[in-house]
Protein backbone atom coordinates (compact mmCIF):
# COMPACT_ATOMS: atom_id res chain seq x y z
CA UNK A 1 -0.34 0.07 -0.04
CA UNK A 2 3.43 2.15 1.03
CA UNK A 3 4.13 1.82 -2.86
CA UNK A 4 1.32 0.95 -5.27
CA UNK A 5 -2.47 1.93 -5.75
CA UNK A 6 -4.86 -0.09 -7.97
CA UNK A 7 -4.85 0.94 -11.45
CA UNK A 8 -1.12 2.14 -11.38
CA UNK A 9 1.45 0.81 -14.42
CA UNK A 10 4.64 0.43 -13.25
CA UNK A 11 7.85 -0.78 -15.54
CA UNK A 12 9.45 -4.22 -14.29
CA UNK A 13 12.21 -6.50 -14.45
CA UNK A 14 10.90 -9.80 -15.21
CA UNK A 15 13.14 -12.46 -12.66
CA UNK A 16 11.26 -16.04 -13.61
CA UNK A 17 8.53 -17.69 -15.72
CA UNK A 18 6.65 -20.62 -14.76
CA UNK A 19 4.70 -21.32 -17.90
CA UNK A 20 3.20 -24.30 -16.17
CA UNK A 21 1.31 -22.77 -13.71
CA UNK A 22 1.63 -19.37 -15.99
CA UNK A 23 2.81 -16.95 -13.15
CA UNK A 24 6.11 -15.06 -13.16
CA UNK A 25 7.91 -13.25 -10.66
CA UNK A 26 8.78 -9.46 -10.99
CA UNK A 27 11.16 -6.97 -9.48
CA UNK A 28 11.25 -3.60 -9.74
CA UNK A 29 13.92 -2.76 -8.14
CA UNK A 30 16.30 -4.63 -9.86
CA UNK A 31 15.96 -1.66 -12.92
CA UNK A 32 18.16 -0.03 -11.04
CA UNK A 33 22.14 -0.99 -10.00
CA UNK A 34 22.17 -1.73 -6.15
CA UNK A 35 23.62 0.68 -4.01
CA UNK A 36 24.82 -1.65 -1.92
CA UNK A 37 27.53 -2.47 -4.54
CA UNK A 38 29.00 0.57 -3.58
CA UNK A 39 28.07 1.20 -0.86
CA UNK A 40 31.24 3.14 0.91
CA UNK A 41 31.54 5.19 -1.84
CA UNK A 42 28.62 7.40 -0.99
CA UNK A 43 28.51 6.05 2.65
CA UNK A 44 31.62 6.13 4.14
CA UNK A 45 32.35 5.36 7.70
CA UNK A 46 32.84 8.88 9.44
CA UNK A 47 30.63 10.46 6.60
CA UNK A 48 27.30 12.55 7.74
CA UNK A 49 24.12 12.39 6.63
CA UNK A 50 20.67 13.97 7.62
CA UNK A 51 17.74 10.78 7.10
CA UNK A 52 14.39 10.10 7.71
CA UNK A 53 13.25 8.75 10.78
CA UNK A 54 11.23 5.43 10.14
CA UNK A 55 10.94 3.69 13.49
CA UNK A 56 11.01 3.28 16.50
CA UNK A 57 11.66 0.48 19.31
CA UNK A 58 12.86 0.15 22.55
CA UNK A 59 16.52 0.07 21.51
CA UNK A 60 17.00 2.41 18.62
CA UNK A 61 15.63 4.79 15.97
CA UNK A 62 15.61 3.40 12.27
CA UNK A 63 16.12 5.89 10.45
CA UNK A 64 16.13 5.29 6.14
CA UNK A 65 19.03 7.61 3.96
CA UNK A 66 18.44 6.80 0.75
CA UNK A 67 15.55 4.09 -0.65
CA UNK A 68 16.61 0.78 0.09
CA UNK A 69 19.50 2.17 2.09
CA UNK A 70 19.45 2.89 6.48
CA UNK A 71 20.61 1.89 9.68
CA UNK A 72 19.70 1.99 13.41
CA UNK A 73 21.18 4.50 16.11
CA UNK A 74 20.88 2.50 19.37
CA UNK A 75 19.53 4.55 21.94
CA UNK A 76 22.45 5.37 23.46
CA UNK A 77 23.42 6.92 20.58
CA UNK A 78 21.05 10.01 20.43
CA UNK A 79 22.88 11.97 23.39
CA UNK A 80 25.81 12.20 25.14
CA UNK A 81 24.34 14.06 28.42
CA UNK A 82 20.93 12.44 29.12
CA UNK A 83 20.15 8.75 29.13
CA UNK A 84 16.48 7.94 28.03
CA UNK A 85 13.87 5.69 29.13
CA UNK A 86 12.84 4.92 25.83
CA UNK A 87 14.03 6.83 22.27
CA UNK A 88 10.11 8.40 21.45
CA UNK A 89 11.60 10.80 24.06
CA UNK A 90 14.08 12.38 21.86
CA UNK A 91 12.21 11.96 18.51
CA UNK A 92 9.83 11.08 16.59
CA UNK A 93 8.34 9.00 12.71
CA UNK A 94 8.79 10.93 10.42
CA UNK A 95 11.06 13.42 11.89
CA UNK A 96 14.74 14.14 10.20
CA UNK A 97 17.50 13.71 12.10
CA UNK A 98 21.24 14.06 11.26
CA UNK A 99 23.56 11.10 11.83
CA UNK A 100 27.23 9.84 11.27
CA UNK A 101 27.97 6.57 9.72
CA UNK A 102 29.63 4.65 12.28
CA UNK A 103 29.93 1.13 10.52
CA UNK A 104 28.92 -0.74 7.59
CA UNK A 105 27.66 -4.30 7.37
CA UNK A 106 27.28 -4.92 3.55
CA UNK A 107 26.45 -8.47 3.93
CA UNK A 108 23.55 -7.46 5.92
CA UNK A 109 22.85 -4.82 4.52
CA UNK A 110 22.62 -2.44 7.47
CA UNK A 111 24.35 0.54 8.36
CA UNK A 112 25.35 1.52 12.31
CA UNK A 113 24.27 4.81 12.76
CA UNK A 114 25.37 7.61 15.63
CA UNK A 115 23.79 10.84 16.28
CA UNK A 116 25.79 12.17 19.48
CA UNK A 117 28.60 11.51 17.97
CA UNK A 118 28.56 14.37 15.55
CA UNK A 119 29.47 16.81 19.02
CA UNK A 120 33.15 15.80 21.02
CA UNK A 121 32.15 14.44 23.65
CA UNK A 122 31.68 17.14 26.34
CA UNK A 123 32.54 14.68 29.58
CA UNK A 124 36.21 15.37 28.30
CA UNK A 125 35.93 19.01 29.50
CA UNK A 126 33.14 19.28 32.03
CA UNK A 127 35.33 16.90 34.84
CA UNK A 128 36.92 20.15 36.07
CA UNK A 129 33.21 21.68 36.62
CA UNK A 130 31.78 19.09 38.20
CA UNK A 131 35.28 18.09 40.48
CA UNK A 132 34.16 16.24 43.44
CA UNK A 133 33.00 18.47 46.26
CA UNK A 134 32.17 21.27 43.75
CA UNK A 135 28.29 22.63 44.91
CA UNK A 136 26.07 23.18 42.09
CA UNK A 137 21.65 24.30 41.26
CA UNK A 138 19.86 21.75 40.03
CA UNK A 139 16.23 20.66 40.04
CA UNK A 140 14.61 17.25 40.61
CA UNK A 141 13.16 15.97 37.49
CA UNK A 142 12.07 12.37 38.23
CA UNK A 143 11.85 10.45 41.99
CA UNK A 144 11.37 6.59 42.58
CA UNK A 145 12.54 4.15 44.98
CA UNK A 146 15.69 4.65 44.64
CA UNK A 147 16.62 8.18 43.98
CA UNK A 148 15.87 11.17 41.60
CA UNK A 149 17.39 12.64 38.41
CA UNK A 150 18.51 16.01 38.66
CA UNK A 151 19.01 18.17 36.36
CA UNK A 152 22.32 20.18 36.46
CA UNK A 153 24.08 22.93 34.57
CA UNK A 154 24.85 22.33 31.25
CA UNK A 155 21.86 20.09 30.52
CA UNK A 156 23.89 17.16 32.11
CA UNK A 157 22.11 14.86 34.65
CA UNK A 158 23.01 13.30 37.95
CA UNK A 159 21.51 10.68 40.16
CA UNK A 160 21.08 11.47 43.93
CA UNK A 161 20.40 8.30 46.37
CA UNK A 162 17.64 8.27 48.08
CA UNK A 163 19.05 9.27 51.48
CA UNK A 164 20.92 12.24 50.15
CA UNK A 165 17.95 13.88 49.68
CA UNK A 166 17.36 15.16 52.81
CA UNK A 167 16.71 18.36 53.43
CA UNK A 168 18.01 19.67 57.09
CA UNK A 169 14.45 19.93 58.53
CA UNK A 170 14.28 16.63 57.56
CA UNK A 171 12.04 16.66 54.70
CA UNK A 172 12.79 14.99 51.52
CA UNK A 173 13.50 17.46 48.90
CA UNK A 174 10.80 15.82 45.77
CA UNK A 175 9.85 16.26 41.58
CA UNK A 176 10.26 19.51 40.16
CA UNK A 177 12.04 21.02 43.87
CA UNK A 178 15.23 23.30 42.93
CA UNK A 179 18.07 22.85 45.59
CA UNK A 180 21.83 23.23 45.79
CA UNK A 181 23.82 19.70 45.18
CA UNK A 182 27.30 18.62 45.87
CA UNK A 183 29.05 16.66 43.73
CA UNK A 184 30.02 12.95 45.29
CA UNK A 185 31.36 10.72 42.31
CA UNK A 186 31.83 11.59 38.68
CA UNK A 187 32.53 8.83 36.70
CA UNK A 188 33.85 10.07 32.90
CA UNK A 189 33.58 6.44 31.55
CA UNK A 190 29.98 5.42 32.75
CA UNK A 191 28.76 9.01 31.98
CA UNK A 192 27.27 8.80 35.99
CA UNK A 193 27.49 12.05 37.98
CA UNK A 194 26.47 10.96 42.03
CA UNK A 195 24.94 14.45 43.51
CA UNK A 196 24.22 14.67 47.39
CA UNK A 197 22.06 17.60 48.36
CA UNK A 198 22.10 16.43 52.11
CA UNK A 199 26.65 15.80 52.20
CA UNK A 200 26.28 20.16 52.35
CA UNK A 201 24.60 20.99 55.22
CA UNK A 202 26.25 17.59 57.02
CA UNK A 203 29.60 19.18 55.77
CA UNK A 204 27.97 22.58 57.23
CA UNK A 205 27.49 21.28 60.50
CA UNK A 206 31.12 19.23 60.47
CA UNK A 207 33.04 22.45 59.34
CA UNK A 208 31.18 24.62 62.53
CA UNK A 209 32.68 21.61 64.43
CA UNK A 210 35.56 21.74 63.68
CA UNK A 211 36.31 25.45 63.84
CA UNK A 212 34.49 25.23 67.63
CA UNK A 213 37.29 23.26 67.94
CA UNK A 214 39.99 24.86 66.41
CA UNK A 215 38.77 27.81 68.41
CA UNK A 216 39.08 25.79 71.82
CA UNK A 217 41.97 24.57 70.81
CA UNK A 218 44.02 28.54 70.28
CA UNK A 219 42.11 29.58 73.89
CA UNK A 220 43.54 25.97 75.42
CA UNK A 221 46.84 27.63 74.01
CA UNK A 222 46.75 31.15 75.45
CA UNK A 223 45.43 29.62 78.50
CA UNK A 224 48.43 27.74 78.55
CA UNK A 225 50.88 29.81 77.41
CA UNK A 226 49.19 32.82 80.27
CA UNK A 227 50.01 29.69 83.09
CA UNK A 228 53.60 29.43 81.95
CA UNK A 229 54.56 33.03 82.04
CA UNK A 230 52.84 33.26 85.54
CA UNK A 231 54.24 30.25 86.91
CA UNK A 232 58.18 31.60 85.41
CA UNK A 233 57.59 35.28 86.95
CA UNK A 234 56.82 33.19 90.61
CA UNK A 235 60.41 31.29 90.12
CA UNK A 236 62.09 34.22 89.50
CA UNK A 237 60.50 36.08 92.21
CA UNK A 238 61.43 32.95 94.17
CA UNK A 239 65.00 32.92 93.08
CA UNK A 240 65.38 36.25 93.99
CA UNK A 241 63.93 35.77 97.54
CA UNK A 242 66.64 32.73 97.85
CA UNK A 243 69.52 35.27 97.17
CA UNK A 244 68.50 38.14 99.22
CA UNK A 245 67.44 35.00 102.15
CA UNK A 246 71.40 33.68 101.27
CA UNK A 247 73.21 36.91 101.69
CA UNK A 248 71.45 38.24 104.92
CA UNK A 249 72.09 34.75 106.37
CA UNK A 250 76.39 35.40 105.64
CA UNK A 251 76.03 38.67 106.88
CA UNK A 252 74.37 37.46 110.38
CA UNK A 253 76.89 34.72 110.46
CA UNK A 254 79.61 36.96 110.10
CA UNK A 255 78.37 39.21 112.65
CA UNK A 256 78.08 36.55 115.00
CA UNK A 257 81.53 35.78 114.11
CA UNK A 258 83.46 38.96 115.40
CA UNK A 259 81.52 39.26 118.04
CA UNK A 260 82.89 35.71 119.31
CA UNK A 261 86.44 37.18 119.03
CA UNK A 262 86.69 39.63 122.14
CA UNK A 263 85.19 37.23 124.63
CA UNK A 264 87.85 34.25 123.30
CA UNK A 265 90.85 36.94 123.79
CA UNK A 266 89.40 37.56 127.49
């Protein structure tokens, strides 16, 4: 029905002839050269093209580049930054999409197509921006029993486990809620970012406690120094007094000796 209508006339090539049963098989496509014979010429690996989305399945998008020539974009090759549950979240049948030829299977007449490969992998440059410990604004786009998907700057998505969604007041961040999130894991190879809101205020409390401990240590050191200075002064005063007493004792002993001499002469 897509190609023929009752009453239409078409030119065709006779492929087989069965005189006994008065039947013949015809072919329209064999009137023109098989495009797969020199597929590498027009659709070389690495070349870029625009195709028509003909079908969408759970695992990919089937794209027609020319009559009889097409291939599939795997769902993982649609975007560097976003993860889709289904390719229909990205495109639809009848839409045009830009692709790059990633591989040619001439025997099975299939092309391996990519879409995200049209651009450089941004994960190579985002590692510094989303370094572990950095804090970013984000919005929870979806929640389930495991955690939440968080929309981050530059179109990036992060995952926040449930235990990392707890707010300082004990409540949990919900869908569509905007908050700050700290990067606690960045895996460039797996294209995965794990974020935490809880870690921010926990870290703040920990910093406050550490600052209080530091202040206490400083005060303790000051007190120790003050006590030591006082002790040093007391020790010096005591030693001075002992010196005076020693001199006084010597003088007294000297006086007693002088007084005893006349008595001895008598």
